[in-house]
Amino acid sequence: MARKLSPKTLTRLKTRLIDEQDRLVSLIAELENEREQMRLAESSADHAPDPENADGGSLALDLEMEVSKQRNAEELLAKVRHALDRMEQGTYGVCEVSGDPIPVARLDALPYATTTVEWAHRV
């Protein structure tokens, strides 16, 4: 029961996905740079990585938060790239579980969606 999205809709969504991909690649590079700077600061003589030390504990928490942000950005980037691949394959806009069309309103809200709302919570 697959349906074809209009070329105009596909172009609009592809542009959004490419913009998001570019944003995420930049964000990941920035986060990697920040993590490296934190590691350098942590290893300097001025900042002991001792969790009992207030500075050390703060640095450890900051590093953990940066790692979490980077993981989230990498996961989102994988979803965006998967959506772009599906566009190339001609399967974009079709639920990967049910095979039903994903409503355009859902794709507008979440262009990397791979399922209908009904299946999103089950996957």
PDB file of N, CA and C in Angstrom:
ATOM      1  N   MET A   1       0.826  -1.191   0.000  1.00  0.00           N
ATOM      2  CA  MET A   1       0.000   0.000   0.000  1.00  0.00           C
ATOM      3  C   MET A   1       0.876   1.263   0.000  1.00  0.00           C
ATOM      4  N   ALA A   2       2.080   1.112  -0.533  1.00  0.00           N
ATOM      5  CA  ALA A   2       2.990   2.247  -0.579  1.00  0.00           C
ATOM      6  C   ALA A   2       2.464   3.305  -1.534  1.00  0.00           C
ATOM      7  N   ARG A   3       2.774   4.546  -1.197  1.00  0.00           N
ATOM      8  CA  ARG A   3       2.374   5.633  -2.068  1.00  0.00           C
ATOM      9  C   ARG A   3       3.605   6.480  -2.355  1.00  0.00           C
ATOM     10  N   LYS A   4       3.552   7.149  -3.463  1.00  0.00           N
ATOM     11  CA  LYS A   4       4.665   8.005  -3.856  1.00  0.00           C
ATOM     12  C   LYS A   4       4.434   9.397  -3.285  1.00  0.00           C
ATOM     13  N   LEU A   5       5.477   9.940  -2.658  1.00  0.00           N
ATOM     14  CA  LEU A   5       5.423  11.325  -2.227  1.00  0.00           C
ATOM     15  C   LEU A   5       5.675  12.198  -3.446  1.00  0.00           C
ATOM     16  N   SER A   6       5.097  13.371  -3.454  1.00  0.00           N
ATOM     17  CA  SER A   6       5.300  14.255  -4.595  1.00  0.00           C
ATOM     18  C   SER A   6       6.768  14.681  -4.653  1.00  0.00           C
ATOM     19  N   PRO A   7       7.262  14.953  -5.843  1.00  0.00           N
ATOM     20  CA  PRO A   7       8.652  15.400  -5.975  1.00  0.00           C
ATOM     21  C   PRO A   7       8.943  16.644  -5.131  1.00  0.00           C
ATOM     22  N   LYS A   8       7.983  17.547  -5.047  1.00  0.00           N
ATOM     23  CA  LYS A   8       8.162  18.771  -4.265  1.00  0.00           C
ATOM     24  C   LYS A   8       8.328  18.435  -2.778  1.00  0.00           C
ATOM     25  N   THR A   9       7.503  17.515  -2.275  1.00  0.00           N
ATOM     26  CA  THR A   9       7.583  17.099  -0.872  1.00  0.00           C
ATOM     27  C   THR A   9       8.906  16.400  -0.609  1.00  0.00           C
ATOM     28  N   LEU A  10       9.299  15.509  -1.498  1.00  0.00           N
ATOM     29  CA  LEU A  10      10.578  14.801  -1.348  1.00  0.00           C
ATOM     30  C   LEU A  10      11.756  15.771  -1.335  1.00  0.00           C
ATOM     31  N   THR A  11      11.740  16.737  -2.231  1.00  0.00           N
ATOM     32  CA  THR A  11      12.819  17.724  -2.290  1.00  0.00           C
ATOM     33  C   THR A  11      12.873  18.530  -0.998  1.00  0.00           C
ATOM     34  N   ARG A  12      11.726  18.953  -0.505  1.00  0.00           N
ATOM     35  CA  ARG A  12      11.668  19.740   0.729  1.00  0.00           C
ATOM     36  C   ARG A  12      12.219  18.941   1.904  1.00  0.00           C
ATOM     37  N   LEU A  13      11.789  17.689   2.020  1.00  0.00           N
ATOM     38  CA  LEU A  13      12.235  16.848   3.128  1.00  0.00           C
ATOM     39  C   LEU A  13      13.712  16.467   2.984  1.00  0.00           C
ATOM     40  N   LYS A  14      14.150  16.238   1.767  1.00  0.00           N
ATOM     41  CA  LYS A  14      15.564  15.905   1.540  1.00  0.00           C
ATOM     42  C   LYS A  14      16.448  17.088   1.929  1.00  0.00           C
ATOM     43  N   THR A  15      16.028  18.290   1.586  1.00  0.00           N
ATOM     44  CA  THR A  15      16.781  19.489   1.967  1.00  0.00           C
ATOM     45  C   THR A  15      16.883  19.596   3.482  1.00  0.00           C
ATOM     46  N   ARG A  16      15.778  19.344   4.172  1.00  0.00           N
ATOM     47  CA  ARG A  16      15.795  19.387   5.636  1.00  0.00           C
ATOM     48  C   ARG A  16      16.736  18.336   6.211  1.00  0.00           C
ATOM     49  N   LEU A  17      16.703  17.138   5.641  1.00  0.00           N
ATOM     50  CA  LEU A  17      17.575  16.064   6.123  1.00  0.00           C
ATOM     51  C   LEU A  17      19.049  16.390   5.876  1.00  0.00           C
ATOM     52  N   ILE A  18      19.362  16.930   4.725  1.00  0.00           N
ATOM     53  CA  ILE A  18      20.745  17.289   4.418  1.00  0.00           C
ATOM     54  C   ILE A  18      21.216  18.406   5.349  1.00  0.00           C
ATOM     55  N   ASP A  19      20.358  19.392   5.580  1.00  0.00           N
ATOM     56  CA  ASP A  19      20.714  20.471   6.514  1.00  0.00           C
ATOM     57  C   ASP A  19      20.956  19.911   7.915  1.00  0.00           C
ATOM     58  N   GLU A  20      20.106  18.988   8.330  1.00  0.00           N
ATOM     59  CA  GLU A  20      20.259  18.378   9.654  1.00  0.00           C
ATOM     60  C   GLU A  20      21.533  17.536   9.709  1.00  0.00           C
ATOM     61  N   GLN A  21      21.825  16.828   8.646  1.00  0.00           N
ATOM     62  CA  GLN A  21      23.049  16.038   8.582  1.00  0.00           C
ATOM     63  C   GLN A  21      24.271  16.951   8.733  1.00  0.00           C
ATOM     64  N   ASP A  22      24.289  18.052   8.018  1.00  0.00           N
ATOM     65  CA  ASP A  22      25.409  18.999   8.105  1.00  0.00           C
ATOM     66  C   ASP A  22      25.534  19.564   9.518  1.00  0.00           C
ATOM     67  N   ARG A  23      24.407  19.910  10.120  1.00  0.00           N
ATOM     68  CA  ARG A  23      24.408  20.456  11.473  1.00  0.00           C
ATOM     69  C   ARG A  23      24.969  19.440  12.463  1.00  0.00           C
ATOM     70  N   LEU A  24      24.544  18.196  12.330  1.00  0.00           N
ATOM     71  CA  LEU A  24      24.994  17.152  13.249  1.00  0.00           C
ATOM     72  C   LEU A  24      26.473  16.826  13.074  1.00  0.00           C
ATOM     73  N   VAL A  25      26.949  16.797  11.853  1.00  0.00           N
ATOM     74  CA  VAL A  25      28.373  16.544  11.608  1.00  0.00           C
ATOM     75  C   VAL A  25      29.202  17.642  12.275  1.00  0.00           C
ATOM     76  N   SER A  26      28.769  18.889  12.131  1.00  0.00           N
ATOM     77  CA  SER A  26      29.478  20.009  12.782  1.00  0.00           C
ATOM     78  C   SER A  26      29.408  19.896  14.293  1.00  0.00           C
ATOM     79  N   LEU A  27      28.233  19.559  14.802  1.00  0.00           N
ATOM     80  CA  LEU A  27      28.052  19.428  16.250  1.00  0.00           C
ATOM     81  C   LEU A  27      28.952  18.328  16.807  1.00  0.00           C
ATOM     82  N   ILE A  28      29.005  17.199  16.140  1.00  0.00           N
ATOM     83  CA  ILE A  28      29.839  16.081  16.598  1.00  0.00           C
ATOM     84  C   ILE A  28      31.312  16.487  16.608  1.00  0.00           C
ATOM     85  N   ALA A  29      31.755  17.179  15.577  1.00  0.00           N
ATOM     86  CA  ALA A  29      33.150  17.641  15.534  1.00  0.00           C
ATOM     87  C   ALA A  29      33.417  18.610  16.682  1.00  0.00           C
ATOM     88  N   GLU A  30      32.476  19.495  16.939  1.00  0.00           N
ATOM     89  CA  GLU A  30      32.623  20.457  18.034  1.00  0.00           C
ATOM     90  C   GLU A  30      32.670  19.741  19.386  1.00  0.00           C
ATOM     91  N   LEU A  31      31.804  18.754  19.566  1.00  0.00           N
ATOM     92  CA  LEU A  31      31.783  18.003  20.823  1.00  0.00           C
ATOM     93  C   LEU A  31      33.074  17.210  21.013  1.00  0.00           C
ATOM     94  N   GLU A  32      33.589  16.635  19.933  1.00  0.00           N
ATOM     95  CA  GLU A  32      34.855  15.907  20.017  1.00  0.00           C
ATOM     96  C   GLU A  32      35.983  16.852  20.424  1.00  0.00           C
ATOM     97  N   ASN A  33      35.982  18.049  19.858  1.00  0.00           N
ATOM     98  CA  ASN A  33      36.994  19.041  20.198  1.00  0.00           C
ATOM     99  C   ASN A  33      36.879  19.451  21.674  1.00  0.00           C
ATOM    100  N   GLU A  34      35.650  19.687  22.135  1.00  0.00           N
ATOM    101  CA  GLU A  34      35.437  20.049  23.541  1.00  0.00           C
ATOM    102  C   GLU A  34      35.899  18.933  24.476  1.00  0.00           C
ATOM    103  N   ARG A  35      35.602  17.692  24.103  1.00  0.00           N
ATOM    104  CA  ARG A  35      36.044  16.562  24.933  1.00  0.00           C
ATOM    105  C   ARG A  35      37.563  16.491  25.005  1.00  0.00           C
ATOM    106  N   GLU A  36      38.210  16.716  23.886  1.00  0.00           N
ATOM    107  CA  GLU A  36      39.672  16.694  23.864  1.00  0.00           C
ATOM    108  C   GLU A  36      40.212  17.813  24.750  1.00  0.00           C
ATOM    109  N   GLN A  37      39.614  18.975  24.690  1.00  0.00           N
ATOM    110  CA  GLN A  37      40.048  20.087  25.538  1.00  0.00           C
ATOM    111  C   GLN A  37      39.853  19.751  27.015  1.00  0.00           C
ATOM    112  N   MET A  38      38.747  19.086  27.342  1.00  0.00           N
ATOM    113  CA  MET A  38      38.500  18.679  28.736  1.00  0.00           C
ATOM    114  C   MET A  38      39.547  17.670  29.193  1.00  0.00           C
ATOM    115  N   ARG A  39      39.871  16.725  28.315  1.00  0.00           N
ATOM    116  CA  ARG A  39      40.880  15.727  28.672  1.00  0.00           C
ATOM    117  C   ARG A  39      42.229  16.382  28.937  1.00  0.00           C
ATOM    118  N   LEU A  40      42.569  17.345  28.107  1.00  0.00           N
ATOM    119  CA  LEU A  40      43.829  18.057  28.298  1.00  0.00           C
ATOM    120  C   LEU A  40      43.811  18.825  29.615  1.00  0.00           C
ATOM    121  N   ALA A  41      42.697  19.463  29.920  1.00  0.00           N
ATOM    122  CA  ALA A  41      42.580  20.213  31.175  1.00  0.00           C
ATOM    123  C   ALA A  41      42.639  19.263  32.361  1.00  0.00           C
ATOM    124  N   GLU A  42      42.001  18.105  32.211  1.00  0.00           N
ATOM    125  CA  GLU A  42      41.961  17.126  33.297  1.00  0.00           C
ATOM    126  C   GLU A  42      43.343  16.563  33.582  1.00  0.00           C
ATOM    127  N   SER A  43      44.139  16.419  32.545  1.00  0.00           N
ATOM    128  CA  SER A  43      45.459  15.820  32.736  1.00  0.00           C
ATOM    129  C   SER A  43      46.518  16.845  33.139  1.00  0.00           C
ATOM    130  N   SER A  44      46.160  18.120  33.113  1.00  0.00           N
ATOM    131  CA  SER A  44      47.142  19.129  33.516  1.00  0.00           C
ATOM    132  C   SER A  44      47.372  19.070  35.019  1.00  0.00           C
ATOM    133  N   ALA A  45      48.467  19.595  35.452  1.00  0.00           N
ATOM    134  CA  ALA A  45      48.821  19.573  36.873  1.00  0.00           C
ATOM    135  C   ALA A  45      47.868  20.415  37.696  1.00  0.00           C
ATOM    136  N   ASP A  46      47.221  21.409  37.089  1.00  0.00           N
ATOM    137  CA  ASP A  46      46.322  22.298  37.823  1.00  0.00           C
ATOM    138  C   ASP A  46      44.995  21.638  38.164  1.00  0.00           C
ATOM    139  N   HIS A  47      44.596  20.616  37.408  1.00  0.00           N
ATOM    140  CA  HIS A  47      43.285  19.980  37.607  1.00  0.00           C
ATOM    141  C   HIS A  47      43.477  18.489  37.830  1.00  0.00           C
ATOM    142  N   ALA A  48      43.424  18.070  39.050  1.00  0.00           N
ATOM    143  CA  ALA A  48      43.539  16.647  39.354  1.00  0.00           C
ATOM    144  C   ALA A  48      42.214  15.972  39.023  1.00  0.00           C
ATOM    145  N   PRO A  49      42.224  14.792  38.385  1.00  0.00           N
ATOM    146  CA  PRO A  49      40.991  14.098  38.039  1.00  0.00           C
ATOM    147  C   PRO A  49      40.371  13.368  39.223  1.00  0.00           C
ATOM    148  N   ASP A  50      40.791  13.685  40.428  1.00  0.00           N
ATOM    149  CA  ASP A  50      40.283  13.044  41.637  1.00  0.00           C
ATOM    150  C   ASP A  50      38.817  13.402  41.842  1.00  0.00           C
ATOM    151  N   PRO A  51      37.897  12.425  41.822  1.00  0.00           N
ATOM    152  CA  PRO A  51      36.479  12.718  41.995  1.00  0.00           C
ATOM    153  C   PRO A  51      36.167  13.330  43.359  1.00  0.00           C
ATOM    154  N   GLU A  52      37.044  13.120  44.340  1.00  0.00           N
ATOM    155  CA  GLU A  52      36.851  13.723  45.659  1.00  0.00           C
ATOM    156  C   GLU A  52      37.128  15.223  45.605  1.00  0.00           C
ATOM    157  N   ASN A  53      37.924  15.626  44.642  1.00  0.00           N
ATOM    158  CA  ASN A  53      38.241  17.030  44.435  1.00  0.00           C
ATOM    159  C   ASN A  53      37.068  17.665  43.692  1.00  0.00           C
ATOM    160  N   ALA A  54      36.617  18.829  44.128  1.00  0.00           N
ATOM    161  CA  ALA A  54      35.460  19.482  43.497  1.00  0.00           C
ATOM    162  C   ALA A  54      35.710  19.730  42.016  1.00  0.00           C
ATOM    163  N   ASP A  55      36.912  20.185  41.677  1.00  0.00           N
ATOM    164  CA  ASP A  55      37.222  20.422  40.265  1.00  0.00           C
ATOM    165  C   ASP A  55      37.236  19.119  39.480  1.00  0.00           C
ATOM    166  N   GLY A  56      37.801  18.079  40.059  1.00  0.00           N
ATOM    167  CA  GLY A  56      37.856  16.781  39.384  1.00  0.00           C
ATOM    168  C   GLY A  56      36.470  16.209  39.161  1.00  0.00           C
ATOM    169  N   GLY A  57      35.615  16.321  40.175  1.00  0.00           N
ATOM    170  CA  GLY A  57      34.245  15.824  40.039  1.00  0.00           C
ATOM    171  C   GLY A  57      33.471  16.597  38.996  1.00  0.00           C
ATOM    172  N   SER A  58      33.679  17.900  38.959  1.00  0.00           N
ATOM    173  CA  SER A  58      33.013  18.741  37.976  1.00  0.00           C
ATOM    174  C   SER A  58      33.482  18.394  36.563  1.00  0.00           C
ATOM    175  N   LEU A  59      34.773  18.190  36.409  1.00  0.00           N
ATOM    176  CA  LEU A  59      35.301  17.819  35.094  1.00  0.00           C
ATOM    177  C   LEU A  59      34.761  16.465  34.647  1.00  0.00           C
ATOM    178  N   ALA A  60      34.679  15.521  35.590  1.00  0.00           N
ATOM    179  CA  ALA A  60      34.154  14.195  35.243  1.00  0.00           C
ATOM    180  C   ALA A  60      32.692  14.293  34.804  1.00  0.00           C
ATOM    181  N   LEU A  61      31.899  15.100  35.504  1.00  0.00           N
ATOM    182  CA  LEU A  61      30.491  15.279  35.139  1.00  0.00           C
ATOM    183  C   LEU A  61      30.375  15.957  33.777  1.00  0.00           C
ATOM    184  N   ASP A  62      31.175  16.996  33.564  1.00  0.00           N
ATOM    185  CA  ASP A  62      31.159  17.684  32.274  1.00  0.00           C
ATOM    186  C   ASP A  62      31.520  16.734  31.139  1.00  0.00           C
ATOM    187  N   LEU A  63      32.532  15.902  31.366  1.00  0.00           N
ATOM    188  CA  LEU A  63      32.950  14.947  30.346  1.00  0.00           C
ATOM    189  C   LEU A  63      31.841  13.931  30.061  1.00  0.00           C
ATOM    190  N   GLU A  64      31.199  13.456  31.104  1.00  0.00           N
ATOM    191  CA  GLU A  64      30.098  12.507  30.936  1.00  0.00           C
ATOM    192  C   GLU A  64      28.954  13.130  30.135  1.00  0.00           C
ATOM    193  N   MET A  65      28.646  14.384  30.416  1.00  0.00           N
ATOM    194  CA  MET A  65      27.577  15.071  29.678  1.00  0.00           C
ATOM    195  C   MET A  65      27.954  15.241  28.209  1.00  0.00           C
ATOM    196  N   GLU A  66      29.215  15.572  27.935  1.00  0.00           N
ATOM    197  CA  GLU A  66      29.656  15.732  26.557  1.00  0.00           C
ATOM    198  C   GLU A  66      29.594  14.408  25.798  1.00  0.00           C
ATOM    199  N   VAL A  67      29.968  13.326  26.465  1.00  0.00           N
ATOM    200  CA  VAL A  67      29.900  11.999  25.842  1.00  0.00           C
ATOM    201  C   VAL A  67      28.449  11.659  25.514  1.00  0.00           C
ATOM    202  N   SER A  68      27.544  11.956  26.423  1.00  0.00           N
ATOM    203  CA  SER A  68      26.126  11.688  26.200  1.00  0.00           C
ATOM    204  C   SER A  68      25.582  12.514  25.033  1.00  0.00           C
ATOM    205  N   LYS A  69      25.942  13.778  24.978  1.00  0.00           N
ATOM    206  CA  LYS A  69      25.500  14.634  23.869  1.00  0.00           C
ATOM    207  C   LYS A  69      26.022  14.088  22.541  1.00  0.00           C
ATOM    208  N   GLN A  70      27.284  13.663  22.543  1.00  0.00           N
ATOM    209  CA  GLN A  70      27.869  13.149  21.306  1.00  0.00           C
ATOM    210  C   GLN A  70      27.175  11.864  20.865  1.00  0.00           C
ATOM    211  N   ARG A  71      26.911  10.961  21.806  1.00  0.00           N
ATOM    212  CA  ARG A  71      26.200   9.721  21.458  1.00  0.00           C
ATOM    213  C   ARG A  71      24.832  10.022  20.859  1.00  0.00           C
ATOM    214  N   ASN A  72      24.111  10.948  21.488  1.00  0.00           N
ATOM    215  CA  ASN A  72      22.787  11.314  20.979  1.00  0.00           C
ATOM    216  C   ASN A  72      22.886  11.890  19.568  1.00  0.00           C
ATOM    217  N   ALA A  73      23.861  12.761  19.350  1.00  0.00           N
ATOM    218  CA  ALA A  73      24.041  13.359  18.026  1.00  0.00           C
ATOM    219  C   ALA A  73      24.407  12.287  16.998  1.00  0.00           C
ATOM    220  N   GLU A  74      25.251  11.335  17.374  1.00  0.00           N
ATOM    221  CA  GLU A  74      25.641  10.263  16.450  1.00  0.00           C
ATOM    222  C   GLU A  74      24.463   9.361  16.115  1.00  0.00           C
ATOM    223  N   GLU A  75      23.615   9.075  17.108  1.00  0.00           N
ATOM    224  CA  GLU A  75      22.428   8.254  16.855  1.00  0.00           C
ATOM    225  C   GLU A  75      21.462   8.977  15.924  1.00  0.00           C
ATOM    226  N   LEU A  76      21.271  10.266  16.151  1.00  0.00           N
ATOM    227  CA  LEU A  76      20.390  11.041  15.288  1.00  0.00           C
ATOM    228  C   LEU A  76      20.961  11.131  13.876  1.00  0.00           C
ATOM    229  N   LEU A  77      22.277  11.305  13.770  1.00  0.00           N
ATOM    230  CA  LEU A  77      22.914  11.348  12.456  1.00  0.00           C
ATOM    231  C   LEU A  77      22.698  10.034  11.706  1.00  0.00           C
ATOM    232  N   ALA A  78      22.793   8.926  12.399  1.00  0.00           N
ATOM    233  CA  ALA A  78      22.549   7.623  11.759  1.00  0.00           C
ATOM    234  C   ALA A  78      21.116   7.543  11.236  1.00  0.00           C
ATOM    235  N   LYS A  79      20.164   8.064  12.004  1.00  0.00           N
ATOM    236  CA  LYS A  79      18.757   8.065  11.560  1.00  0.00           C
ATOM    237  C   LYS A  79      18.573   8.946  10.333  1.00  0.00           C
ATOM    238  N   VAL A  80      19.207  10.103  10.338  1.00  0.00           N
ATOM    239  CA  VAL A  80      19.111  11.020   9.199  1.00  0.00           C
ATOM    240  C   VAL A  80      19.711  10.362   7.956  1.00  0.00           C
ATOM    241  N   ARG A  81      20.866   9.751   8.108  1.00  0.00           N
ATOM    242  CA  ARG A  81      21.504   9.092   6.959  1.00  0.00           C
ATOM    243  C   ARG A  81      20.678   7.905   6.466  1.00  0.00           C
ATOM    244  N   HIS A  82      20.043   7.201   7.392  1.00  0.00           N
ATOM    245  CA  HIS A  82      19.166   6.089   7.008  1.00  0.00           C
ATOM    246  C   HIS A  82      17.993   6.620   6.180  1.00  0.00           C
ATOM    247  N   ALA A  83      17.432   7.744   6.603  1.00  0.00           N
ATOM    248  CA  ALA A  83      16.320   8.340   5.852  1.00  0.00           C
ATOM    249  C   ALA A  83      16.776   8.751   4.450  1.00  0.00           C
ATOM    250  N   LEU A  84      17.952   9.343   4.351  1.00  0.00           N
ATOM    251  CA  LEU A  84      18.482   9.727   3.036  1.00  0.00           C
ATOM    252  C   LEU A  84      18.726   8.497   2.160  1.00  0.00           C
ATOM    253  N   ASP A  85      19.217   7.422   2.753  1.00  0.00           N
ATOM    254  CA  ASP A  85      19.398   6.163   2.011  1.00  0.00           C
ATOM    255  C   ASP A  85      18.060   5.635   1.515  1.00  0.00           C
ATOM    256  N   ARG A  86      17.049   5.708   2.371  1.00  0.00           N
ATOM    257  CA  ARG A  86      15.717   5.235   1.974  1.00  0.00           C
ATOM    258  C   ARG A  86      15.169   6.066   0.817  1.00  0.00           C
ATOM    259  N   MET A  87      15.491   7.357   0.799  1.00  0.00           N
ATOM    260  CA  MET A  87      15.066   8.189  -0.334  1.00  0.00           C
ATOM    261  C   MET A  87      15.695   7.680  -1.617  1.00  0.00           C
ATOM    262  N   GLU A  88      16.997   7.377  -1.540  1.00  0.00           N
ATOM    263  CA  GLU A  88      17.707   6.873  -2.722  1.00  0.00           C
ATOM    264  C   GLU A  88      17.128   5.537  -3.192  1.00  0.00           C
ATOM    265  N   GLN A  89      16.695   4.712  -2.249  1.00  0.00           N
ATOM    266  CA  GLN A  89      16.159   3.385  -2.571  1.00  0.00           C
ATOM    267  C   GLN A  89      14.690   3.436  -2.994  1.00  0.00           C
ATOM    268  N   GLY A  90      14.042   4.593  -2.770  1.00  0.00           N
ATOM    269  CA  GLY A  90      12.633   4.723  -3.113  1.00  0.00           C
ATOM    270  C   GLY A  90      11.696   4.169  -2.058  1.00  0.00           C
ATOM    271  N   THR A  91      12.193   3.950  -0.841  1.00  0.00           N
ATOM    272  CA  THR A  91      11.344   3.410   0.234  1.00  0.00           C
ATOM    273  C   THR A  91      11.025   4.436   1.309  1.00  0.00           C
ATOM    274  N   TYR A  92      11.463   5.668   1.117  1.00  0.00           N
ATOM    275  CA  TYR A  92      11.216   6.720   2.097  1.00  0.00           C
ATOM    276  C   TYR A  92       9.720   7.004   2.179  1.00  0.00           C
ATOM    277  N   GLY A  93       9.252   7.215   3.400  1.00  0.00           N
ATOM    278  CA  GLY A  93       7.842   7.542   3.598  1.00  0.00           C
ATOM    279  C   GLY A  93       6.948   6.331   3.765  1.00  0.00           C
ATOM    280  N   VAL A  94       7.572   5.144   3.824  1.00  0.00           N
ATOM    281  CA  VAL A  94       6.831   3.901   4.007  1.00  0.00           C
ATOM    282  C   VAL A  94       7.270   3.286   5.334  1.00  0.00           C
ATOM    283  N   CYS A  95       6.317   2.922   6.171  1.00  0.00           N
ATOM    284  CA  CYS A  95       6.614   2.332   7.476  1.00  0.00           C
ATOM    285  C   CYS A  95       7.425   1.053   7.293  1.00  0.00           C
ATOM    286  N   GLU A  96       8.544   0.962   8.004  1.00  0.00           N
ATOM    287  CA  GLU A  96       9.404  -0.217   7.903  1.00  0.00           C
ATOM    288  C   GLU A  96       8.776  -1.450   8.542  1.00  0.00           C
ATOM    289  N   VAL A  97       7.773  -1.261   9.378  1.00  0.00           N
ATOM    290  CA  VAL A  97       7.142  -2.392  10.055  1.00  0.00           C
ATOM    291  C   VAL A  97       5.900  -2.855   9.303  1.00  0.00           C
ATOM    292  N   SER A  98       4.995  -1.924   9.056  1.00  0.00           N
ATOM    293  CA  SER A  98       3.699  -2.303   8.480  1.00  0.00           C
ATOM    294  C   SER A  98       3.638  -2.180   6.960  1.00  0.00           C
ATOM    295  N   GLY A  99       4.523  -1.369   6.392  1.00  0.00           N
ATOM    296  CA  GLY A  99       4.455  -1.128   4.955  1.00  0.00           C
ATOM    297  C   GLY A  99       3.450  -0.061   4.580  1.00  0.00           C
ATOM    298  N   ASP A 100       2.782   0.516   5.583  1.00  0.00           N
ATOM    299  CA  ASP A 100       1.810   1.584   5.335  1.00  0.00           C
ATOM    300  C   ASP A 100       2.525   2.904   5.086  1.00  0.00           C
ATOM    301  N   PRO A 101       1.869   3.820   4.385  1.00  0.00           N
ATOM    302  CA  PRO A 101       2.481   5.139   4.186  1.00  0.00           C
ATOM    303  C   PRO A 101       2.590   5.894   5.512  1.00  0.00           C
ATOM    304  N   ILE A 102       3.687   6.587   5.688  1.00  0.00           N
ATOM    305  CA  ILE A 102       3.850   7.469   6.849  1.00  0.00           C
ATOM    306  C   ILE A 102       3.241   8.803   6.448  1.00  0.00           C
ATOM    307  N   PRO A 103       2.312   9.326   7.236  1.00  0.00           N
ATOM    308  CA  PRO A 103       1.683  10.599   6.866  1.00  0.00           C
ATOM    309  C   PRO A 103       2.707  11.720   6.691  1.00  0.00           C
ATOM    310  N   VAL A 104       2.462  12.580   5.720  1.00  0.00           N
ATOM    311  CA  VAL A 104       3.371  13.690   5.439  1.00  0.00           C
ATOM    312  C   VAL A 104       3.516  14.578   6.672  1.00  0.00           C
ATOM    313  N   ALA A 105       2.455  14.746   7.435  1.00  0.00           N
ATOM    314  CA  ALA A 105       2.535  15.563   8.651  1.00  0.00           C
ATOM    315  C   ALA A 105       3.573  14.986   9.614  1.00  0.00           C
ATOM    316  N   ARG A 106       3.652  13.664   9.713  1.00  0.00           N
ATOM    317  CA  ARG A 106       4.660  13.031  10.583  1.00  0.00           C
ATOM    318  C   ARG A 106       6.062  13.251  10.014  1.00  0.00           C
ATOM    319  N   LEU A 107       6.202  13.131   8.713  1.00  0.00           N
ATOM    320  CA  LEU A 107       7.510  13.352   8.089  1.00  0.00           C
ATOM    321  C   LEU A 107       7.931  14.819   8.210  1.00  0.00           C
ATOM    322  N   ASP A 108       6.967  15.730   8.154  1.00  0.00           N
ATOM    323  CA  ASP A 108       7.287  17.136   8.357  1.00  0.00           C
ATOM    324  C   ASP A 108       7.805  17.365   9.776  1.00  0.00           C
ATOM    325  N   ALA A 109       7.195  16.701  10.736  1.00  0.00           N
ATOM    326  CA  ALA A 109       7.602  16.856  12.130  1.00  0.00           C
ATOM    327  C   ALA A 109       8.900  16.114  12.424  1.00  0.00           C
ATOM    328  N   LEU A 110       9.063  14.956  11.803  1.00  0.00           N
ATOM    329  CA  LEU A 110      10.204  14.083  12.078  1.00  0.00           C
ATOM    330  C   LEU A 110      10.658  13.468  10.753  1.00  0.00           C
ATOM    331  N   PRO A 111      11.439  14.210   9.964  1.00  0.00           N
ATOM    332  CA  PRO A 111      11.762  13.737   8.610  1.00  0.00           C
ATOM    333  C   PRO A 111      12.511  12.419   8.550  1.00  0.00           C
ATOM    334  N   TYR A 112      13.088  11.987   9.658  1.00  0.00           N
ATOM    335  CA  TYR A 112      13.807  10.709   9.670  1.00  0.00           C
ATOM    336  C   TYR A 112      12.952   9.573  10.229  1.00  0.00           C
ATOM    337  N   ALA A 113      11.649   9.808  10.377  1.00  0.00           N
ATOM    338  CA  ALA A 113      10.741   8.768  10.883  1.00  0.00           C
ATOM    339  C   ALA A 113      10.752   7.571   9.938  1.00  0.00           C
ATOM    340  N   THR A 114      10.780   6.378  10.529  1.00  0.00           N
ATOM    341  CA  THR A 114      10.771   5.155   9.716  1.00  0.00           C
ATOM    342  C   THR A 114       9.514   4.330   9.936  1.00  0.00           C
ATOM    343  N   THR A 115       8.672   4.797  10.858  1.00  0.00           N
ATOM    344  CA  THR A 115       7.427   4.073  11.145  1.00  0.00           C
ATOM    345  C   THR A 115       6.278   5.063  11.283  1.00  0.00           C
ATOM    346  N   THR A 116       5.079   4.537  11.167  1.00  0.00           N
ATOM    347  CA  THR A 116       3.906   5.344  11.482  1.00  0.00           C
ATOM    348  C   THR A 116       3.857   5.526  12.996  1.00  0.00           C
ATOM    349  N   VAL A 117       3.051   6.453  13.454  1.00  0.00           N
ATOM    350  CA  VAL A 117       2.925   6.700  14.891  1.00  0.00           C
ATOM    351  C   VAL A 117       2.462   5.435  15.601  1.00  0.00           C
ATOM    352  N   GLU A 118       1.564   4.692  14.980  1.00  0.00           N
ATOM    353  CA  GLU A 118       1.040   3.472  15.592  1.00  0.00           C
ATOM    354  C   GLU A 118       2.137   2.463  15.915  1.00  0.00           C
ATOM    355  N   TRP A 119       3.161   2.412  15.092  1.00  0.00           N
ATOM    356  CA  TRP A 119       4.244   1.451  15.293  1.00  0.00           C
ATOM    357  C   TRP A 119       5.439   2.032  16.015  1.00  0.00           C
ATOM    358  N   ALA A 120       5.522   3.334  16.154  1.00  0.00           N
ATOM    359  CA  ALA A 120       6.706   3.984  16.745  1.00  0.00           C
ATOM    360  C   ALA A 120       6.989   3.523  18.148  1.00  0.00           C
ATOM    361  N   HIS A 121       5.958   3.356  18.963  1.00  0.00           N
ATOM    362  CA  HIS A 121       6.172   2.958  20.364  1.00  0.00           C
ATOM    363  C   HIS A 121       6.429   1.457  20.517  1.00  0.00           C
ATOM    364  N   ARG A 122       6.185   0.693  19.484  1.00  0.00           N
ATOM    365  CA  ARG A 122       6.368  -0.760  19.568  1.00  0.00           C
ATOM    366  C   ARG A 122       7.753  -1.199  19.129  1.00  0.00           C
ATOM    367  N   VAL A 123       8.455  -0.331  18.449  1.00  0.00           N
ATOM    368  CA  VAL A 123       9.748  -0.714  17.899  1.00  0.00           C
ATOM    369  C   VAL A 123      10.864  -0.383  18.858  1.00  0.00           C
TER     370      VAL A 123
END
